[in-house]
N, C-alpha and C. Protein backbone atom coordinates (compact mmCIF):
# COMPACT_ATOMS: atom_id res chain seq x y z
N MET A 1 27.76 22.92 3.17
CA MET A 1 27.11 22.65 1.91
C MET A 1 27.61 23.65 0.89
N THR A 2 27.86 23.16 -0.28
CA THR A 2 28.35 24.06 -1.32
C THR A 2 27.19 24.74 -2.00
N GLU A 3 27.50 25.84 -2.65
CA GLU A 3 26.47 26.63 -3.31
C GLU A 3 25.78 25.86 -4.42
N GLY A 4 26.52 25.06 -5.17
CA GLY A 4 25.95 24.26 -6.27
C GLY A 4 24.93 23.25 -5.79
N LYS A 5 25.23 22.56 -4.70
CA LYS A 5 24.30 21.56 -4.15
C LYS A 5 23.05 22.22 -3.62
N SER A 6 23.18 23.39 -3.02
CA SER A 6 22.03 24.10 -2.47
C SER A 6 21.06 24.48 -3.58
N GLU A 7 21.60 24.99 -4.68
CA GLU A 7 20.76 25.37 -5.82
C GLU A 7 20.05 24.16 -6.39
N GLN A 8 20.77 23.05 -6.52
CA GLN A 8 20.21 21.85 -7.11
C GLN A 8 19.08 21.30 -6.26
N SER A 9 19.23 21.19 -4.96
CA SER A 9 18.21 20.61 -4.11
C SER A 9 16.98 21.51 -3.98
N SER A 10 17.16 22.82 -4.02
CA SER A 10 16.01 23.71 -3.90
C SER A 10 15.22 23.82 -5.19
N SER A 11 15.84 23.53 -6.32
CA SER A 11 15.13 23.63 -7.59
C SER A 11 14.42 22.32 -7.97
N ALA A 12 14.71 21.24 -7.27
CA ALA A 12 14.09 19.94 -7.57
C ALA A 12 12.77 19.82 -6.81
N ALA A 13 11.70 20.17 -7.46
CA ALA A 13 10.38 20.09 -6.83
C ALA A 13 9.83 18.67 -6.96
N LEU A 14 9.10 18.26 -5.96
CA LEU A 14 8.48 16.94 -6.02
C LEU A 14 7.30 16.94 -6.98
N LYS A 15 7.16 15.85 -7.71
CA LYS A 15 6.05 15.67 -8.64
C LYS A 15 5.09 14.65 -8.04
N PRO A 16 3.83 14.62 -8.47
CA PRO A 16 2.91 13.60 -7.97
C PRO A 16 3.43 12.18 -8.18
N SER A 17 4.18 11.97 -9.24
CA SER A 17 4.71 10.63 -9.51
C SER A 17 5.81 10.23 -8.54
N ASP A 18 6.32 11.17 -7.73
CA ASP A 18 7.35 10.86 -6.74
C ASP A 18 6.76 10.22 -5.49
N PHE A 19 5.44 10.26 -5.36
CA PHE A 19 4.77 9.73 -4.18
C PHE A 19 4.04 8.44 -4.53
N VAL A 20 4.15 7.45 -3.66
CA VAL A 20 3.46 6.17 -3.86
C VAL A 20 2.77 5.77 -2.56
N HIS A 21 1.47 5.53 -2.64
CA HIS A 21 0.74 5.00 -1.48
C HIS A 21 1.10 3.52 -1.33
N LEU A 22 1.64 3.15 -0.17
CA LEU A 22 2.07 1.77 0.05
C LEU A 22 1.17 1.01 1.02
N HIS A 23 0.11 1.65 1.51
CA HIS A 23 -0.77 0.99 2.49
C HIS A 23 -2.21 1.36 2.18
N ASN A 24 -2.84 0.60 1.29
CA ASN A 24 -4.23 0.84 0.91
C ASN A 24 -5.05 -0.42 1.13
N HIS A 25 -6.25 -0.24 1.68
CA HIS A 25 -7.18 -1.34 1.84
C HIS A 25 -8.35 -1.12 0.90
N THR A 26 -8.81 -2.21 0.30
CA THR A 26 -9.99 -2.15 -0.55
C THR A 26 -11.15 -2.81 0.20
N PHE A 27 -12.28 -2.91 -0.47
CA PHE A 27 -13.44 -3.53 0.16
C PHE A 27 -13.20 -5.01 0.47
N HIS A 28 -12.11 -5.57 0.00
CA HIS A 28 -11.77 -6.95 0.34
C HIS A 28 -11.27 -7.06 1.78
N SER A 29 -10.86 -5.95 2.40
CA SER A 29 -10.49 -5.93 3.81
C SER A 29 -11.77 -5.73 4.61
N VAL A 30 -12.36 -6.82 5.04
CA VAL A 30 -13.65 -6.77 5.72
C VAL A 30 -13.59 -5.86 6.94
N LEU A 31 -14.54 -4.96 7.04
CA LEU A 31 -14.69 -4.00 8.14
C LEU A 31 -13.58 -2.96 8.21
N ASP A 32 -12.69 -2.90 7.22
CA ASP A 32 -11.60 -1.94 7.29
C ASP A 32 -11.42 -1.14 6.01
N GLY A 33 -12.00 -1.55 4.94
CA GLY A 33 -11.81 -0.82 3.70
C GLY A 33 -13.09 -0.75 2.90
N LEU A 34 -13.33 0.38 2.28
CA LEU A 34 -14.51 0.56 1.44
C LEU A 34 -14.16 0.83 -0.01
N THR A 35 -12.90 1.08 -0.28
CA THR A 35 -12.46 1.50 -1.60
C THR A 35 -12.66 0.40 -2.64
N LYS A 36 -13.29 0.76 -3.74
CA LYS A 36 -13.40 -0.16 -4.86
C LYS A 36 -12.13 -0.04 -5.70
N ILE A 37 -11.70 -1.14 -6.24
CA ILE A 37 -10.43 -1.19 -6.97
C ILE A 37 -10.42 -0.21 -8.14
N HIS A 38 -11.48 -0.17 -8.91
CA HIS A 38 -11.53 0.74 -10.06
C HIS A 38 -11.46 2.20 -9.60
N ASP A 39 -12.11 2.52 -8.48
CA ASP A 39 -12.05 3.88 -7.95
C ASP A 39 -10.64 4.24 -7.49
N LEU A 40 -9.95 3.30 -6.86
CA LEU A 40 -8.57 3.54 -6.41
C LEU A 40 -7.66 3.83 -7.60
N VAL A 41 -7.74 3.00 -8.62
CA VAL A 41 -6.89 3.17 -9.80
C VAL A 41 -7.22 4.48 -10.51
N ASP A 42 -8.50 4.80 -10.62
CA ASP A 42 -8.90 6.06 -11.25
C ASP A 42 -8.34 7.26 -10.50
N LYS A 43 -8.38 7.22 -9.17
CA LYS A 43 -7.89 8.34 -8.35
C LYS A 43 -6.37 8.47 -8.47
N VAL A 44 -5.67 7.36 -8.45
CA VAL A 44 -4.21 7.37 -8.60
C VAL A 44 -3.84 8.00 -9.93
N LYS A 45 -4.52 7.60 -10.99
CA LYS A 45 -4.27 8.14 -12.33
C LYS A 45 -4.60 9.64 -12.37
N GLU A 46 -5.74 10.02 -11.79
CA GLU A 46 -6.18 11.43 -11.78
C GLU A 46 -5.16 12.32 -11.07
N LEU A 47 -4.54 11.81 -10.01
CA LEU A 47 -3.57 12.60 -9.24
C LEU A 47 -2.17 12.60 -9.86
N GLY A 48 -1.99 11.89 -10.97
CA GLY A 48 -0.70 11.90 -11.65
C GLY A 48 0.33 10.96 -11.06
N MET A 49 -0.10 10.04 -10.22
CA MET A 49 0.82 9.08 -9.64
C MET A 49 1.04 7.94 -10.63
N GLU A 50 2.17 7.27 -10.51
CA GLU A 50 2.50 6.20 -11.44
C GLU A 50 2.40 4.82 -10.83
N ALA A 51 2.22 4.73 -9.51
CA ALA A 51 2.16 3.44 -8.83
C ALA A 51 1.34 3.56 -7.57
N ALA A 52 0.84 2.42 -7.09
CA ALA A 52 0.13 2.36 -5.81
C ALA A 52 0.11 0.91 -5.36
N ALA A 53 -0.02 0.72 -4.05
CA ALA A 53 -0.07 -0.62 -3.49
C ALA A 53 -1.45 -0.93 -2.95
N VAL A 54 -1.77 -2.20 -2.93
CA VAL A 54 -2.95 -2.70 -2.22
C VAL A 54 -2.43 -3.70 -1.19
N THR A 55 -2.81 -3.48 0.07
CA THR A 55 -2.35 -4.33 1.17
C THR A 55 -3.55 -4.69 2.04
N ASP A 56 -4.45 -5.48 1.50
CA ASP A 56 -5.65 -5.85 2.24
C ASP A 56 -5.31 -6.72 3.44
N HIS A 57 -6.24 -6.73 4.42
CA HIS A 57 -6.07 -7.53 5.64
C HIS A 57 -6.33 -9.01 5.38
N GLY A 58 -5.29 -9.80 5.49
CA GLY A 58 -5.43 -11.25 5.48
C GLY A 58 -6.01 -11.88 4.23
N THR A 59 -6.07 -11.16 3.15
CA THR A 59 -6.62 -11.73 1.92
C THR A 59 -5.94 -11.13 0.70
N MET A 60 -5.86 -11.92 -0.31
CA MET A 60 -5.34 -11.43 -1.59
C MET A 60 -6.39 -11.66 -2.68
N SER A 61 -7.64 -11.74 -2.26
CA SER A 61 -8.72 -12.06 -3.19
C SER A 61 -8.96 -10.98 -4.24
N GLY A 62 -8.54 -9.75 -4.00
CA GLY A 62 -8.75 -8.69 -4.98
C GLY A 62 -7.54 -8.38 -5.83
N ILE A 63 -6.46 -9.10 -5.61
CA ILE A 63 -5.19 -8.76 -6.25
C ILE A 63 -5.22 -8.93 -7.77
N LEU A 64 -5.82 -9.97 -8.27
CA LEU A 64 -5.86 -10.18 -9.71
C LEU A 64 -6.63 -9.05 -10.40
N ASP A 65 -7.77 -8.69 -9.83
CA ASP A 65 -8.54 -7.57 -10.38
C ASP A 65 -7.74 -6.27 -10.31
N TYR A 66 -7.07 -6.05 -9.17
CA TYR A 66 -6.25 -4.84 -9.01
C TYR A 66 -5.11 -4.82 -10.04
N TYR A 67 -4.42 -5.92 -10.18
CA TYR A 67 -3.29 -6.00 -11.11
C TYR A 67 -3.74 -5.68 -12.54
N LYS A 68 -4.79 -6.32 -12.98
CA LYS A 68 -5.28 -6.11 -14.35
C LYS A 68 -5.78 -4.69 -14.56
N THR A 69 -6.51 -4.16 -13.59
CA THR A 69 -7.05 -2.80 -13.70
C THR A 69 -5.94 -1.76 -13.71
N ALA A 70 -4.96 -1.93 -12.84
CA ALA A 70 -3.84 -0.99 -12.76
C ALA A 70 -3.00 -1.02 -14.04
N LYS A 71 -2.66 -2.21 -14.51
CA LYS A 71 -1.86 -2.33 -15.73
C LYS A 71 -2.56 -1.70 -16.92
N LYS A 72 -3.87 -1.93 -17.03
CA LYS A 72 -4.64 -1.37 -18.14
C LYS A 72 -4.62 0.16 -18.10
N ALA A 73 -4.57 0.74 -16.90
CA ALA A 73 -4.55 2.19 -16.74
C ALA A 73 -3.14 2.78 -16.78
N GLY A 74 -2.13 1.94 -16.93
CA GLY A 74 -0.75 2.44 -16.97
C GLY A 74 -0.18 2.72 -15.59
N ILE A 75 -0.75 2.11 -14.56
CA ILE A 75 -0.28 2.28 -13.18
C ILE A 75 0.50 1.04 -12.78
N LYS A 76 1.63 1.23 -12.09
CA LYS A 76 2.41 0.09 -11.62
C LYS A 76 1.75 -0.45 -10.36
N PRO A 77 1.23 -1.70 -10.41
CA PRO A 77 0.59 -2.27 -9.22
C PRO A 77 1.63 -2.85 -8.27
N ILE A 78 1.57 -2.45 -7.03
CA ILE A 78 2.43 -3.01 -5.99
C ILE A 78 1.52 -3.89 -5.14
N ILE A 79 1.87 -5.13 -5.03
CA ILE A 79 1.01 -6.12 -4.40
C ILE A 79 1.55 -6.48 -3.02
N GLY A 80 0.66 -6.43 -2.03
CA GLY A 80 1.06 -6.77 -0.67
C GLY A 80 -0.11 -7.35 0.09
N ILE A 81 0.13 -7.65 1.34
CA ILE A 81 -0.91 -8.17 2.23
C ILE A 81 -0.53 -7.78 3.65
N GLU A 82 -1.52 -7.46 4.45
CA GLU A 82 -1.29 -7.17 5.86
C GLU A 82 -1.72 -8.40 6.64
N THR A 83 -0.76 -9.01 7.31
CA THR A 83 -1.05 -10.25 8.04
C THR A 83 -0.66 -10.11 9.50
N TYR A 84 -1.17 -11.02 10.28
CA TYR A 84 -0.84 -11.10 11.69
C TYR A 84 -0.21 -12.46 11.95
N VAL A 85 0.76 -12.50 12.84
CA VAL A 85 1.49 -13.73 13.10
C VAL A 85 1.19 -14.20 14.51
N ALA A 86 0.72 -15.44 14.63
CA ALA A 86 0.48 -16.05 15.94
C ALA A 86 1.73 -16.85 16.30
N THR A 87 2.31 -16.56 17.44
CA THR A 87 3.55 -17.24 17.82
C THR A 87 3.32 -18.72 18.13
N ARG A 88 2.12 -19.03 18.55
CA ARG A 88 1.79 -20.43 18.85
C ARG A 88 0.56 -20.80 18.04
N SER A 89 -0.50 -21.14 18.67
CA SER A 89 -1.74 -21.49 17.98
C SER A 89 -2.74 -20.35 18.12
N ARG A 90 -3.62 -20.22 17.18
CA ARG A 90 -4.63 -19.17 17.29
C ARG A 90 -5.62 -19.46 18.41
N PHE A 91 -5.62 -20.68 18.92
CA PHE A 91 -6.53 -21.05 20.01
C PHE A 91 -5.88 -20.90 21.38
N ASP A 92 -4.56 -20.82 21.42
CA ASP A 92 -3.82 -20.73 22.68
C ASP A 92 -3.51 -19.27 22.97
N ARG A 93 -4.28 -18.67 23.86
CA ARG A 93 -4.12 -17.22 24.11
C ARG A 93 -3.67 -16.97 25.55
N ASP A 94 -2.44 -16.58 25.68
CA ASP A 94 -1.88 -16.22 26.98
C ASP A 94 -1.35 -14.80 26.86
N PRO A 95 -2.02 -13.82 27.50
CA PRO A 95 -1.62 -12.42 27.32
C PRO A 95 -0.14 -12.15 27.62
N GLY A 96 0.44 -12.84 28.58
CA GLY A 96 1.85 -12.61 28.91
C GLY A 96 2.78 -13.00 27.78
N LYS A 97 2.50 -14.11 27.13
CA LYS A 97 3.34 -14.59 26.03
C LYS A 97 3.02 -13.87 24.72
N ASP A 98 1.77 -13.52 24.55
CA ASP A 98 1.34 -12.92 23.28
C ASP A 98 1.76 -11.47 23.10
N LYS A 99 2.21 -10.81 24.15
CA LYS A 99 2.62 -9.41 24.04
C LYS A 99 4.04 -9.26 23.50
N GLN A 100 4.80 -10.34 23.44
CA GLN A 100 6.16 -10.27 22.92
C GLN A 100 6.11 -9.88 21.45
N ARG A 101 6.91 -8.89 21.07
CA ARG A 101 6.92 -8.39 19.69
C ARG A 101 8.04 -9.02 18.90
N PHE A 102 7.81 -9.10 17.59
CA PHE A 102 8.84 -9.59 16.67
C PHE A 102 9.74 -8.43 16.30
N THR A 103 11.00 -8.72 16.08
CA THR A 103 11.93 -7.67 15.63
C THR A 103 12.55 -8.05 14.33
């Protein structure tokens, strides 16, 4: 490593805006999230972050509220969803076949 590169990398400190939460659940994730959308956006703004994601379980019912609230606060909304994939039918459960992972 050259001396110039060493100086450059050590002087570049991370800022709060360099970090983005990409896996957040709100109260729309039943039994898994308690966060209210307005509270999430307020906290992201308070910490100096510029973006955050909402990835609720199996629902996108809070996304419109999240999008509007985040945009109004000057936060870049990243929209996602956490889903589960059934290889066959949700009624056909065979532990041997269901353990196969997707790649």
